[in-house]
Amino acid sequence: MIRETEIQKVQHLAEDLAEERILDALLPQARSDEKPQEDSTNPAQGKYFVRNCVKASWMKKKLR
């Protein structure tokens, strides 16, 4: 009973961290030896966009 309670406490954090690892794998960081372009988008913005698209798609499937 205590084990299930503790698992529930950290479930959301574990899901968020897993999502971050997946997005990091899909959207690799720019190499440090490459010069960033001024017109390039921030990698965090790209990750944010992909995360929102995935969640929106998941919600559409969930509501069907």
Protein backbone atom coordinates (compact mmCIF):
# COMPACT_ATOMS: atom_id res chain seq x y z
CA MET A 1 0.00 0.00 0.00
CA ILE A 2 2.81 2.42 0.81
CA ARG A 3 4.62 1.39 -2.36
CA GLU A 4 1.63 2.30 -4.56
CA THR A 5 1.30 5.67 -2.84
CA GLU A 6 4.97 6.47 -3.43
CA ILE A 7 4.73 5.38 -7.06
CA GLN A 8 1.78 7.70 -7.60
CA LYS A 9 3.77 10.58 -6.12
CA VAL A 10 6.56 10.28 -8.68
CA GLN A 11 4.57 8.98 -11.69
CA HIS A 12 4.06 12.44 -13.22
CA LEU A 13 7.72 13.36 -12.80
CA ALA A 14 8.82 10.07 -14.37
CA GLU A 15 6.53 10.64 -17.35
CA ASP A 16 7.84 14.18 -17.85
CA LEU A 17 11.46 13.03 -17.71
CA ALA A 18 10.79 10.20 -20.16
CA GLU A 19 9.13 12.68 -22.52
CA GLU A 20 12.19 14.95 -22.29
CA ARG A 21 14.54 12.05 -23.13
CA ILE A 22 12.44 11.11 -26.16
CA LEU A 23 12.35 14.70 -27.42
CA ASP A 24 16.10 15.05 -26.87
CA ALA A 25 16.63 11.96 -29.00
CA LEU A 26 14.31 13.21 -31.74
CA LEU A 27 15.60 16.79 -31.70
CA PRO A 28 19.36 16.57 -31.14
CA GLN A 29 21.21 19.64 -29.93
CA ALA A 30 23.38 21.58 -32.37
CA ARG A 31 27.06 20.72 -32.20
CA SER A 32 29.11 23.09 -30.09
CA ASP A 33 31.68 23.58 -32.88
CA GLU A 34 29.00 24.84 -35.26
CA LYS A 35 28.21 28.54 -35.26
CA PRO A 36 24.55 29.19 -34.46
CA GLN A 37 22.69 31.01 -37.17
CA GLU A 38 20.93 34.20 -36.16
CA ASP A 39 17.70 33.23 -37.93
CA SER A 40 17.65 29.69 -36.55
CA THR A 41 15.00 28.83 -34.01
CA ASN A 42 15.79 28.09 -30.42
CA PRO A 43 16.01 24.31 -29.83
CA ALA A 44 13.77 24.71 -26.80
CA GLN A 45 11.11 26.27 -29.03
CA GLY A 46 11.35 23.32 -31.40
CA LYS A 47 11.00 20.91 -28.51
CA TYR A 48 8.05 22.89 -27.18
CA PHE A 49 6.37 22.80 -30.59
CA VAL A 50 6.85 19.04 -31.01
CA ARG A 51 5.64 18.38 -27.45
CA ASN A 52 2.45 20.37 -28.08
CA CYS A 53 1.79 18.60 -31.39
CA VAL A 54 2.21 15.18 -29.80
CA LYS A 55 -0.06 16.07 -26.88
CA ALA A 56 -2.70 17.55 -29.20
CA SER A 57 -2.64 14.40 -31.32
CA TRP A 58 -2.90 12.24 -28.21
CA MET A 59 -5.88 14.26 -26.96
CA LYS A 60 -7.67 13.93 -30.30
CA LYS A 61 -7.27 10.16 -30.14
CA LYS A 62 -8.38 10.11 -26.51
CA LEU A 63 -11.56 12.08 -27.25
CA ARG A 64 -12.65 9.79 -30.09
